[in-house]
Amino acid sequence: MSDQISLEIIIFFGVMIIFLLAISAVFVYWILLARRALESGRQKQKTAGQKDPKDNSSRKNGSLKYSYLKK
């Protein structure tokens, strides 16, 4: 009887460890995703003043306000 109880305890803790590892992997993924988003945001801020040579729109200074009047 005690062998069965100890086996159940070992299985329970094994499942809990796997569950905690899965949760921590999700958090690490979220942190890496947030870091990548922040770095791409910083990169966009650095290049905000430069005009993209592929951009053929009529907007100036990143504003689309009254762009229909500039035509």
N, C-alpha and C. Protein backbone atom coordinates (compact mmCIF):
# COMPACT_ATOMS: atom_id res chain seq x y z
N MET A 1 0.82 -1.20 0.00
CA MET A 1 0.00 0.00 0.00
C MET A 1 0.87 1.26 0.00
N SER A 2 1.92 1.24 0.78
CA SER A 2 2.78 2.43 0.84
C SER A 2 3.56 2.60 -0.46
N ASP A 3 3.82 1.50 -1.17
CA ASP A 3 4.49 1.60 -2.47
C ASP A 3 3.61 2.34 -3.47
N GLN A 4 2.31 2.07 -3.42
CA GLN A 4 1.39 2.73 -4.34
C GLN A 4 1.29 4.22 -4.02
N ILE A 5 1.27 4.56 -2.74
CA ILE A 5 1.18 5.97 -2.34
C ILE A 5 2.45 6.71 -2.76
N SER A 6 3.60 6.11 -2.55
CA SER A 6 4.84 6.78 -2.93
C SER A 6 4.94 6.92 -4.45
N LEU A 7 4.43 5.94 -5.19
CA LEU A 7 4.42 6.03 -6.65
C LEU A 7 3.50 7.16 -7.11
N GLU A 8 2.34 7.30 -6.45
CA GLU A 8 1.42 8.39 -6.79
C GLU A 8 2.05 9.75 -6.48
N ILE A 9 2.77 9.83 -5.38
CA ILE A 9 3.43 11.10 -5.03
C ILE A 9 4.51 11.44 -6.05
N ILE A 10 5.29 10.46 -6.46
CA ILE A 10 6.33 10.69 -7.46
C ILE A 10 5.72 11.13 -8.78
N ILE A 11 4.64 10.48 -9.20
CA ILE A 11 3.96 10.87 -10.45
C ILE A 11 3.39 12.28 -10.33
N PHE A 12 2.78 12.59 -9.17
CA PHE A 12 2.21 13.92 -8.96
C PHE A 12 3.28 15.00 -9.08
N PHE A 13 4.41 14.81 -8.39
CA PHE A 13 5.46 15.81 -8.45
C PHE A 13 6.09 15.88 -9.84
N GLY A 14 6.18 14.77 -10.53
CA GLY A 14 6.69 14.79 -11.90
C GLY A 14 5.80 15.60 -12.82
N VAL A 15 4.48 15.40 -12.69
CA VAL A 15 3.54 16.17 -13.50
C VAL A 15 3.61 17.65 -13.15
N MET A 16 3.73 17.97 -11.86
CA MET A 16 3.84 19.37 -11.44
C MET A 16 5.11 20.02 -12.00
N ILE A 17 6.21 19.30 -11.97
CA ILE A 17 7.46 19.85 -12.51
C ILE A 17 7.34 20.11 -14.00
N ILE A 18 6.73 19.18 -14.74
CA ILE A 18 6.53 19.38 -16.18
C ILE A 18 5.62 20.57 -16.43
N PHE A 19 4.56 20.70 -15.62
CA PHE A 19 3.63 21.82 -15.76
C PHE A 19 4.34 23.15 -15.51
N LEU A 20 5.15 23.22 -14.45
CA LEU A 20 5.88 24.45 -14.15
C LEU A 20 6.91 24.78 -15.23
N LEU A 21 7.54 23.76 -15.79
CA LEU A 21 8.48 24.01 -16.89
C LEU A 21 7.76 24.56 -18.11
N ALA A 22 6.56 24.05 -18.39
CA ALA A 22 5.79 24.55 -19.53
C ALA A 22 5.39 26.01 -19.31
N ILE A 23 4.96 26.34 -18.10
CA ILE A 23 4.57 27.73 -17.81
C ILE A 23 5.78 28.66 -17.90
N SER A 24 6.92 28.22 -17.38
CA SER A 24 8.11 29.08 -17.46
C SER A 24 8.58 29.24 -18.90
N ALA A 25 8.41 28.21 -19.73
CA ALA A 25 8.78 28.34 -21.14
C ALA A 25 7.89 29.38 -21.83
N VAL A 26 6.61 29.41 -21.48
CA VAL A 26 5.70 30.41 -22.06
C VAL A 26 6.12 31.81 -21.62
N PHE A 27 6.49 31.98 -20.36
CA PHE A 27 6.92 33.30 -19.89
C PHE A 27 8.21 33.74 -20.57
N VAL A 28 9.14 32.83 -20.75
CA VAL A 28 10.39 33.17 -21.44
C VAL A 28 10.09 33.59 -22.88
N TYR A 29 9.17 32.88 -23.53
CA TYR A 29 8.78 33.23 -24.90
C TYR A 29 8.16 34.62 -24.94
N TRP A 30 7.28 34.93 -23.98
CA TRP A 30 6.66 36.25 -23.93
C TRP A 30 7.71 37.34 -23.71
N ILE A 31 8.69 37.08 -22.84
CA ILE A 31 9.72 38.08 -22.57
C ILE A 31 10.56 38.33 -23.82
N LEU A 32 10.93 37.26 -24.51
CA LEU A 32 11.71 37.43 -25.74
C LEU A 32 10.91 38.15 -26.81
N LEU A 33 9.62 37.86 -26.89
CA LEU A 33 8.75 38.53 -27.86
C LEU A 33 8.64 40.02 -27.54
N ALA A 34 8.49 40.34 -26.26
CA ALA A 34 8.40 41.75 -25.86
C ALA A 34 9.71 42.48 -26.12
N ARG A 35 10.84 41.81 -25.87
CA ARG A 35 12.14 42.45 -26.12
C ARG A 35 12.32 42.73 -27.60
N ARG A 36 11.90 41.77 -28.45
CA ARG A 36 12.03 41.97 -29.89
C ARG A 36 11.12 43.11 -30.35
N ALA A 37 9.92 43.21 -29.77
CA ALA A 37 9.02 44.29 -30.14
C ALA A 37 9.57 45.64 -29.71
N LEU A 38 10.18 45.69 -28.51
CA LEU A 38 10.77 46.95 -28.06
C LEU A 38 11.94 47.36 -28.93
N GLU A 39 12.78 46.41 -29.31
CA GLU A 39 13.93 46.75 -30.14
C GLU A 39 13.51 47.18 -31.53
N SER A 40 12.46 46.57 -32.07
CA SER A 40 12.00 47.01 -33.39
C SER A 40 11.35 48.39 -33.28
N GLY A 41 10.73 48.68 -32.14
CA GLY A 41 10.18 50.01 -31.92
C GLY A 41 11.27 51.06 -31.85
N ARG A 42 12.37 50.72 -31.17
CA ARG A 42 13.51 51.65 -31.11
C ARG A 42 14.11 51.85 -32.49
N GLN A 43 14.17 50.79 -33.27
CA GLN A 43 14.72 50.89 -34.62
C GLN A 43 13.84 51.80 -35.47
N LYS A 44 12.51 51.70 -35.30
CA LYS A 44 11.61 52.56 -36.06
C LYS A 44 11.78 54.02 -35.62
N GLN A 45 12.04 54.24 -34.33
CA GLN A 45 12.24 55.62 -33.87
C GLN A 45 13.52 56.20 -34.44
N LYS A 46 14.56 55.39 -34.57
CA LYS A 46 15.81 55.88 -35.12
C LYS A 46 15.66 56.27 -36.59
N THR A 47 14.87 55.51 -37.33
CA THR A 47 14.72 55.76 -38.76
C THR A 47 13.46 56.55 -39.07
N ALA A 48 12.84 57.17 -38.05
CA ALA A 48 11.57 57.87 -38.28
C ALA A 48 11.77 59.12 -39.14
N GLY A 49 12.91 59.79 -39.01
CA GLY A 49 13.13 61.00 -39.77
C GLY A 49 13.55 60.76 -41.20
N GLN A 50 14.00 59.56 -41.51
CA GLN A 50 14.47 59.26 -42.85
C GLN A 50 13.30 58.81 -43.73
N LYS A 51 13.32 59.24 -44.98
CA LYS A 51 12.25 58.85 -45.90
C LYS A 51 12.61 57.53 -46.55
N ASP A 52 11.64 56.66 -46.60
CA ASP A 52 11.84 55.37 -47.23
C ASP A 52 11.85 55.56 -48.74
N PRO A 53 12.89 55.13 -49.45
CA PRO A 53 12.91 55.33 -50.90
C PRO A 53 11.81 54.57 -51.63
N LYS A 54 11.27 53.53 -51.02
CA LYS A 54 10.20 52.76 -51.66
C LYS A 54 8.82 53.38 -51.41
N ASP A 55 8.76 54.39 -50.55
CA ASP A 55 7.49 54.99 -50.17
C ASP A 55 7.10 56.04 -51.21
N ASN A 56 6.05 55.79 -51.96
CA ASN A 56 5.62 56.72 -53.00
C ASN A 56 4.40 57.54 -52.58
N SER A 57 4.04 57.49 -51.32
CA SER A 57 2.85 58.20 -50.88
C SER A 57 3.14 59.70 -50.77
N SER A 58 2.08 60.47 -50.64
CA SER A 58 2.23 61.92 -50.60
C SER A 58 2.32 62.44 -49.18
N ARG A 59 2.48 61.58 -48.20
CA ARG A 59 2.50 62.06 -46.82
C ARG A 59 3.85 62.68 -46.48
N LYS A 60 3.82 63.69 -45.64
CA LYS A 60 5.04 64.35 -45.19
C LYS A 60 5.06 64.30 -43.67
N ASN A 61 6.21 64.06 -43.11
CA ASN A 61 6.41 63.97 -41.67
C ASN A 61 5.52 62.91 -41.03
N GLY A 62 5.18 61.88 -41.76
CA GLY A 62 4.39 60.79 -41.22
C GLY A 62 2.94 61.11 -41.01
N SER A 63 2.44 62.21 -41.54
CA SER A 63 1.06 62.60 -41.31
C SER A 63 0.24 62.39 -42.57
N LEU A 64 -0.92 61.78 -42.39
CA LEU A 64 -1.84 61.60 -43.51
C LEU A 64 -2.94 62.66 -43.51
N LYS A 65 -2.85 63.61 -42.59
CA LYS A 65 -3.89 64.62 -42.46
C LYS A 65 -3.88 65.54 -43.68
N TYR A 66 -4.99 65.74 -44.28
CA TYR A 66 -5.18 66.59 -45.46
C TYR A 66 -4.32 66.14 -46.64
N SER A 67 -4.04 64.86 -46.74
CA SER A 67 -3.21 64.39 -47.85
C SER A 67 -3.96 64.52 -49.17
N TYR A 68 -5.29 64.56 -49.13
CA TYR A 68 -6.05 64.72 -50.36
C TYR A 68 -5.93 66.13 -50.92
N LEU A 69 -5.56 67.11 -50.09
CA LEU A 69 -5.41 68.48 -50.57
C LEU A 69 -4.05 68.72 -51.21
N LYS A 70 -3.07 67.86 -50.94
CA LYS A 70 -1.72 68.07 -51.44
C LYS A 70 -1.54 67.57 -52.86
N LYS A 71 -2.54 66.95 -53.42
CA LYS A 71 -2.38 66.35 -54.76
C LYS A 71 -2.30 67.39 -55.81
